Structure formats: structure tokens, C-alpha cells
Amino acid sequence: MNTSQIGLLAGLVLGAAGALGGFSAVIISLAVGVLGLVIGRVLDGELDLGELLGRGRDK
């Protein structure tokens, strides 16, 4: 299990624990899961935030 998968899993667990229930719980879990996945990908080096924000490493 790599860092991206751990980040996604941790985000989903924390999102589910923080939500109270209903449709909002699904949305909160999804949002926190995506955030965990993005953080995991950045830590793995698979995602460069500079490129997403318009600042490349070449400058």
C-alpha cells in the first residue's frame, strides 16, 4: 500500500467519523477522501502542485 492509498483511506475514515449522517456525510467523506488522495500523491511525488498552479519547475 503506497502513500496515496493510505492518504485516501485515512481521509475517508476521518471524513466518515466527522460526519453526522445523511447525504452530507457522503459529501464530507468524499471531499476529505479526495483531499487525502491528493496529499498522498504529493508526498509520493506523483503530483506536482506547481504545475497545477501554473508554476513549473523550469523557472
PDB file of N, CA and C in Angstrom:
ATOM      1  N   MET A   1       0.852  -1.168   0.000  1.00  0.00           N
ATOM      2  CA  MET A   1       0.000   0.000   0.000  1.00  0.00           C
ATOM      3  C   MET A   1       0.900   1.234   0.000  1.00  0.00           C
ATOM      4  N   ASN A   2       0.744   2.093  -1.008  1.00  0.00           N
ATOM      5  CA  ASN A   2       1.601   3.271  -1.079  1.00  0.00           C
ATOM      6  C   ASN A   2       0.969   4.452  -0.350  1.00  0.00           C
ATOM      7  N   THR A   3       1.668   5.572  -0.343  1.00  0.00           N
ATOM      8  CA  THR A   3       1.234   6.741   0.410  1.00  0.00           C
ATOM      9  C   THR A   3      -0.080   7.302  -0.119  1.00  0.00           C
ATOM     10  N   SER A   4      -0.292   7.235  -1.428  1.00  0.00           N
ATOM     11  CA  SER A   4      -1.548   7.734  -1.994  1.00  0.00           C
ATOM     12  C   SER A   4      -2.744   6.939  -1.468  1.00  0.00           C
ATOM     13  N   GLN A   5      -2.599   5.643  -1.421  1.00  0.00           N
ATOM     14  CA  GLN A   5      -3.700   4.800  -0.936  1.00  0.00           C
ATOM     15  C   GLN A   5      -3.927   5.006   0.558  1.00  0.00           C
ATOM     16  N   ILE A   6      -2.861   5.158   1.311  1.00  0.00           N
ATOM     17  CA  ILE A   6      -3.001   5.407   2.748  1.00  0.00           C
ATOM     18  C   ILE A   6      -3.669   6.752   2.986  1.00  0.00           C
ATOM     19  N   GLY A   7      -3.279   7.759   2.201  1.00  0.00           N
ATOM     20  CA  GLY A   7      -3.898   9.078   2.328  1.00  0.00           C
ATOM     21  C   GLY A   7      -5.381   9.040   2.006  1.00  0.00           C
ATOM     22  N   LEU A   8      -5.744   8.306   0.952  1.00  0.00           N
ATOM     23  CA  LEU A   8      -7.149   8.177   0.591  1.00  0.00           C
ATOM     24  C   LEU A   8      -7.922   7.461   1.691  1.00  0.00           C
ATOM     25  N   LEU A   9      -7.381   6.376   2.195  1.00  0.00           N
ATOM     26  CA  LEU A   9      -8.049   5.618   3.242  1.00  0.00           C
ATOM     27  C   LEU A   9      -8.201   6.444   4.518  1.00  0.00           C
ATOM     28  N   ALA A  10      -7.155   7.140   4.904  1.00  0.00           N
ATOM     29  CA  ALA A  10      -7.221   7.969   6.109  1.00  0.00           C
ATOM     30  C   ALA A  10      -8.236   9.088   5.939  1.00  0.00           C
ATOM     31  N   GLY A  11      -8.265   9.696   4.770  1.00  0.00           N
ATOM     32  CA  GLY A  11      -9.235  10.754   4.516  1.00  0.00           C
ATOM     33  C   GLY A  11     -10.661  10.257   4.569  1.00  0.00           C
ATOM     34  N   LEU A  12     -10.905   9.086   4.001  1.00  0.00           N
ATOM     35  CA  LEU A  12     -12.247   8.523   4.035  1.00  0.00           C
ATOM     36  C   LEU A  12     -12.684   8.164   5.450  1.00  0.00           C
ATOM     37  N   VAL A  13     -11.774   7.607   6.219  1.00  0.00           N
ATOM     38  CA  VAL A  13     -12.107   7.239   7.601  1.00  0.00           C
ATOM     39  C   VAL A  13     -12.381   8.490   8.429  1.00  0.00           C
ATOM     40  N   LEU A  14     -11.520   9.503   8.306  1.00  0.00           N
ATOM     41  CA  LEU A  14     -11.730  10.730   9.069  1.00  0.00           C
ATOM     42  C   LEU A  14     -12.992  11.463   8.623  1.00  0.00           C
ATOM     43  N   GLY A  15     -13.258  11.446   7.336  1.00  0.00           N
ATOM     44  CA  GLY A  15     -14.471  12.087   6.851  1.00  0.00           C
ATOM     45  C   GLY A  15     -15.723  11.394   7.353  1.00  0.00           C
ATOM     46  N   ALA A  16     -15.713  10.074   7.361  1.00  0.00           N
ATOM     47  CA  ALA A  16     -16.864   9.317   7.855  1.00  0.00           C
ATOM     48  C   ALA A  16     -17.050   9.521   9.354  1.00  0.00           C
ATOM     49  N   ALA A  17     -15.954   9.599  10.091  1.00  0.00           N
ATOM     50  CA  ALA A  17     -16.049   9.801  11.539  1.00  0.00           C
ATOM     51  C   ALA A  17     -16.520  11.211  11.873  1.00  0.00           C
ATOM     52  N   GLY A  18     -16.151  12.190  11.049  1.00  0.00           N
ATOM     53  CA  GLY A  18     -16.522  13.570  11.327  1.00  0.00           C
ATOM     54  C   GLY A  18     -17.923  13.941  10.881  1.00  0.00           C
ATOM     55  N   ALA A  19     -18.498  13.140  10.045  1.00  0.00           N
ATOM     56  CA  ALA A  19     -19.832  13.451   9.526  1.00  0.00           C
ATOM     57  C   ALA A  19     -20.903  12.896  10.465  1.00  0.00           C
ATOM     58  N   LEU A  20     -22.027  13.574  10.506  1.00  0.00           N
ATOM     59  CA  LEU A  20     -23.093  13.149  11.410  1.00  0.00           C
ATOM     60  C   LEU A  20     -24.064  12.164  10.767  1.00  0.00           C
ATOM     61  N   GLY A  21     -24.258  12.251   9.486  1.00  0.00           N
ATOM     62  CA  GLY A  21     -25.151  11.302   8.832  1.00  0.00           C
ATOM     63  C   GLY A  21     -25.875  11.946   7.662  1.00  0.00           C
ATOM     64  N   GLY A  22     -26.553  11.131   6.907  1.00  0.00           N
ATOM     65  CA  GLY A  22     -27.323  11.611   5.775  1.00  0.00           C
ATOM     66  C   GLY A  22     -26.464  11.884   4.557  1.00  0.00           C
ATOM     67  N   PHE A  23     -27.035  12.686   3.646  1.00  0.00           N
ATOM     68  CA  PHE A  23     -26.343  12.996   2.397  1.00  0.00           C
ATOM     69  C   PHE A  23     -25.087  13.821   2.648  1.00  0.00           C
ATOM     70  N   SER A  24     -25.114  14.662   3.668  1.00  0.00           N
ATOM     71  CA  SER A  24     -23.944  15.486   3.974  1.00  0.00           C
ATOM     72  C   SER A  24     -22.751  14.613   4.374  1.00  0.00           C
ATOM     73  N   ALA A  25     -23.007  13.467   5.000  1.00  0.00           N
ATOM     74  CA  ALA A  25     -21.925  12.563   5.385  1.00  0.00           C
ATOM     75  C   ALA A  25     -21.221  12.018   4.146  1.00  0.00           C
ATOM     76  N   VAL A  26     -21.984  11.724   3.114  1.00  0.00           N
ATOM     77  CA  VAL A  26     -21.397  11.220   1.872  1.00  0.00           C
ATOM     78  C   VAL A  26     -20.527  12.286   1.229  1.00  0.00           C
ATOM     79  N   ILE A  27     -21.018  13.516   1.184  1.00  0.00           N
ATOM     80  CA  ILE A  27     -20.270  14.610   0.574  1.00  0.00           C
ATOM     81  C   ILE A  27     -19.009  14.930   1.372  1.00  0.00           C
ATOM     82  N   ILE A  28     -19.122  14.961   2.687  1.00  0.00           N
ATOM     83  CA  ILE A  28     -17.952  15.244   3.527  1.00  0.00           C
ATOM     84  C   ILE A  28     -16.916  14.138   3.383  1.00  0.00           C
ATOM     85  N   SER A  29     -17.345  12.888   3.401  1.00  0.00           N
ATOM     86  CA  SER A  29     -16.419  11.764   3.250  1.00  0.00           C
ATOM     87  C   SER A  29     -15.725  11.799   1.900  1.00  0.00           C
ATOM     88  N   LEU A  30     -16.467  12.123   0.855  1.00  0.00           N
ATOM     89  CA  LEU A  30     -15.888  12.216  -0.482  1.00  0.00           C
ATOM     90  C   LEU A  30     -14.858  13.337  -0.555  1.00  0.00           C
ATOM     91  N   ALA A  31     -15.187  14.497  -0.012  1.00  0.00           N
ATOM     92  CA  ALA A  31     -14.277  15.646  -0.062  1.00  0.00           C
ATOM     93  C   ALA A  31     -12.997  15.380   0.725  1.00  0.00           C
ATOM     94  N   VAL A  32     -13.138  14.819   1.912  1.00  0.00           N
ATOM     95  CA  VAL A  32     -11.953  14.546   2.732  1.00  0.00           C
ATOM     96  C   VAL A  32     -11.142  13.401   2.129  1.00  0.00           C
ATOM     97  N   GLY A  33     -11.802  12.442   1.502  1.00  0.00           N
ATOM     98  CA  GLY A  33     -11.094  11.353   0.823  1.00  0.00           C
ATOM     99  C   GLY A  33     -10.271  11.858  -0.344  1.00  0.00           C
ATOM    100  N   VAL A  34     -10.851  12.755  -1.136  1.00  0.00           N
ATOM    101  CA  VAL A  34     -10.112  13.336  -2.264  1.00  0.00           C
ATOM    102  C   VAL A  34      -8.928  14.150  -1.752  1.00  0.00           C
ATOM    103  N   LEU A  35      -9.130  14.906  -0.679  1.00  0.00           N
ATOM    104  CA  LEU A  35      -8.034  15.674  -0.091  1.00  0.00           C
ATOM    105  C   LEU A  35      -6.910  14.749   0.376  1.00  0.00           C
ATOM    106  N   GLY A  36      -7.254  13.641   1.014  1.00  0.00           N
ATOM    107  CA  GLY A  36      -6.248  12.671   1.444  1.00  0.00           C
ATOM    108  C   GLY A  36      -5.506  12.053   0.275  1.00  0.00           C
ATOM    109  N   LEU A  37      -6.236  11.783  -0.807  1.00  0.00           N
ATOM    110  CA  LEU A  37      -5.603  11.226  -2.002  1.00  0.00           C
ATOM    111  C   LEU A  37      -4.617  12.210  -2.615  1.00  0.00           C
ATOM    112  N   VAL A  38      -5.005  13.474  -2.706  1.00  0.00           N
ATOM    113  CA  VAL A  38      -4.118  14.496  -3.275  1.00  0.00           C
ATOM    114  C   VAL A  38      -2.869  14.662  -2.418  1.00  0.00           C
ATOM    115  N   ILE A  39      -3.032  14.710  -1.114  1.00  0.00           N
ATOM    116  CA  ILE A  39      -1.871  14.839  -0.227  1.00  0.00           C
ATOM    117  C   ILE A  39      -0.964  13.624  -0.359  1.00  0.00           C
ATOM    118  N   GLY A  40      -1.543  12.434  -0.443  1.00  0.00           N
ATOM    119  CA  GLY A  40      -0.736  11.224  -0.625  1.00  0.00           C
ATOM    120  C   GLY A  40       0.035  11.237  -1.932  1.00  0.00           C
ATOM    121  N   ARG A  41      -0.591  11.705  -3.011  1.00  0.00           N
ATOM    122  CA  ARG A  41       0.086  11.769  -4.309  1.00  0.00           C
ATOM    123  C   ARG A  41       1.218  12.793  -4.286  1.00  0.00           C
ATOM    124  N   VAL A  42       1.007  13.907  -3.603  1.00  0.00           N
ATOM    125  CA  VAL A  42       2.067  14.914  -3.495  1.00  0.00           C
ATOM    126  C   VAL A  42       3.242  14.331  -2.726  1.00  0.00           C
ATOM    127  N   LEU A  43       2.971  13.625  -1.642  1.00  0.00           N
ATOM    128  CA  LEU A  43       4.048  13.032  -0.846  1.00  0.00           C
ATOM    129  C   LEU A  43       4.774  11.929  -1.604  1.00  0.00           C
ATOM    130  N   ASP A  44       4.073  11.213  -2.482  1.00  0.00           N
ATOM    131  CA  ASP A  44       4.706  10.183  -3.311  1.00  0.00           C
ATOM    132  C   ASP A  44       5.508  10.784  -4.458  1.00  0.00           C
ATOM    133  N   GLY A  45       5.270  12.048  -4.767  1.00  0.00           N
ATOM    134  CA  GLY A  45       5.952  12.689  -5.882  1.00  0.00           C
ATOM    135  C   GLY A  45       5.259  12.458  -7.210  1.00  0.00           C
ATOM    136  N   GLU A  46       4.043  11.937  -7.186  1.00  0.00           N
ATOM    137  CA  GLU A  46       3.298  11.667  -8.405  1.00  0.00           C
ATOM    138  C   GLU A  46       2.521  12.893  -8.887  1.00  0.00           C
ATOM    139  N   LEU A  47       2.396  13.900  -8.044  1.00  0.00           N
ATOM    140  CA  LEU A  47       1.621  15.084  -8.374  1.00  0.00           C
ATOM    141  C   LEU A  47       2.435  16.304  -7.984  1.00  0.00           C
ATOM    142  N   ASP A  48       2.621  17.224  -8.929  1.00  0.00           N
ATOM    143  CA  ASP A  48       3.376  18.447  -8.683  1.00  0.00           C
ATOM    144  C   ASP A  48       2.397  19.607  -8.601  1.00  0.00           C
ATOM    145  N   LEU A  49       2.262  20.177  -7.417  1.00  0.00           N
ATOM    146  CA  LEU A  49       1.314  21.266  -7.241  1.00  0.00           C
ATOM    147  C   LEU A  49       1.720  22.513  -8.020  1.00  0.00           C
ATOM    148  N   GLY A  50       3.008  22.684  -8.273  1.00  0.00           N
ATOM    149  CA  GLY A  50       3.467  23.824  -9.053  1.00  0.00           C
ATOM    150  C   GLY A  50       2.908  23.811 -10.462  1.00  0.00           C
ATOM    151  N   GLU A  51       2.822  22.637 -11.058  1.00  0.00           N
ATOM    152  CA  GLU A  51       2.256  22.527 -12.401  1.00  0.00           C
ATOM    153  C   GLU A  51       0.760  22.810 -12.394  1.00  0.00           C
ATOM    154  N   LEU A  52       0.078  22.367 -11.351  1.00  0.00           N
ATOM    155  CA  LEU A  52      -1.358  22.618 -11.265  1.00  0.00           C
ATOM    156  C   LEU A  52      -1.661  24.094 -11.053  1.00  0.00           C
ATOM    157  N   LEU A  53      -0.783  24.787 -10.352  1.00  0.00           N
ATOM    158  CA  LEU A  53      -0.998  26.196 -10.060  1.00  0.00           C
ATOM    159  C   LEU A  53      -0.384  27.107 -11.115  1.00  0.00           C
ATOM    160  N   GLY A  54       0.220  26.526 -12.152  1.00  0.00           N
ATOM    161  CA  GLY A  54       0.774  27.332 -13.234  1.00  0.00           C
ATOM    162  C   GLY A  54       2.238  27.675 -13.073  1.00  0.00           C
ATOM    163  N   ARG A  55       2.882  27.167 -12.054  1.00  0.00           N
ATOM    164  CA  ARG A  55       4.307  27.427 -11.853  1.00  0.00           C
ATOM    165  C   ARG A  55       5.068  26.126 -12.030  1.00  0.00           C
ATOM    166  N   GLY A  56       5.795  26.031 -13.116  1.00  0.00           N
ATOM    167  CA  GLY A  56       6.570  24.830 -13.376  1.00  0.00           C
ATOM    168  C   GLY A  56       7.908  24.850 -12.652  1.00  0.00           C
ATOM    169  N   ARG A  57       8.609  23.749 -12.672  1.00  0.00           N
ATOM    170  CA  ARG A  57       9.925  23.651 -12.029  1.00  0.00           C
ATOM    171  C   ARG A  57      11.023  24.288 -12.887  1.00  0.00           C
ATOM    172  N   ASP A  58      10.708  24.600 -14.146  1.00  0.00           N
ATOM    173  CA  ASP A  58      11.717  25.104 -15.073  1.00  0.00           C
ATOM    174  C   ASP A  58      12.132  26.535 -14.761  1.00  0.00           C
ATOM    175  N   LYS A  59      11.320  27.273 -14.061  1.00  0.00           N
ATOM    176  CA  LYS A  59      11.583  28.705 -13.844  1.00  0.00           C
ATOM    177  C   LYS A  59      12.664  28.938 -12.831  1.00  0.00           C
TER     178      LYS A  59
END
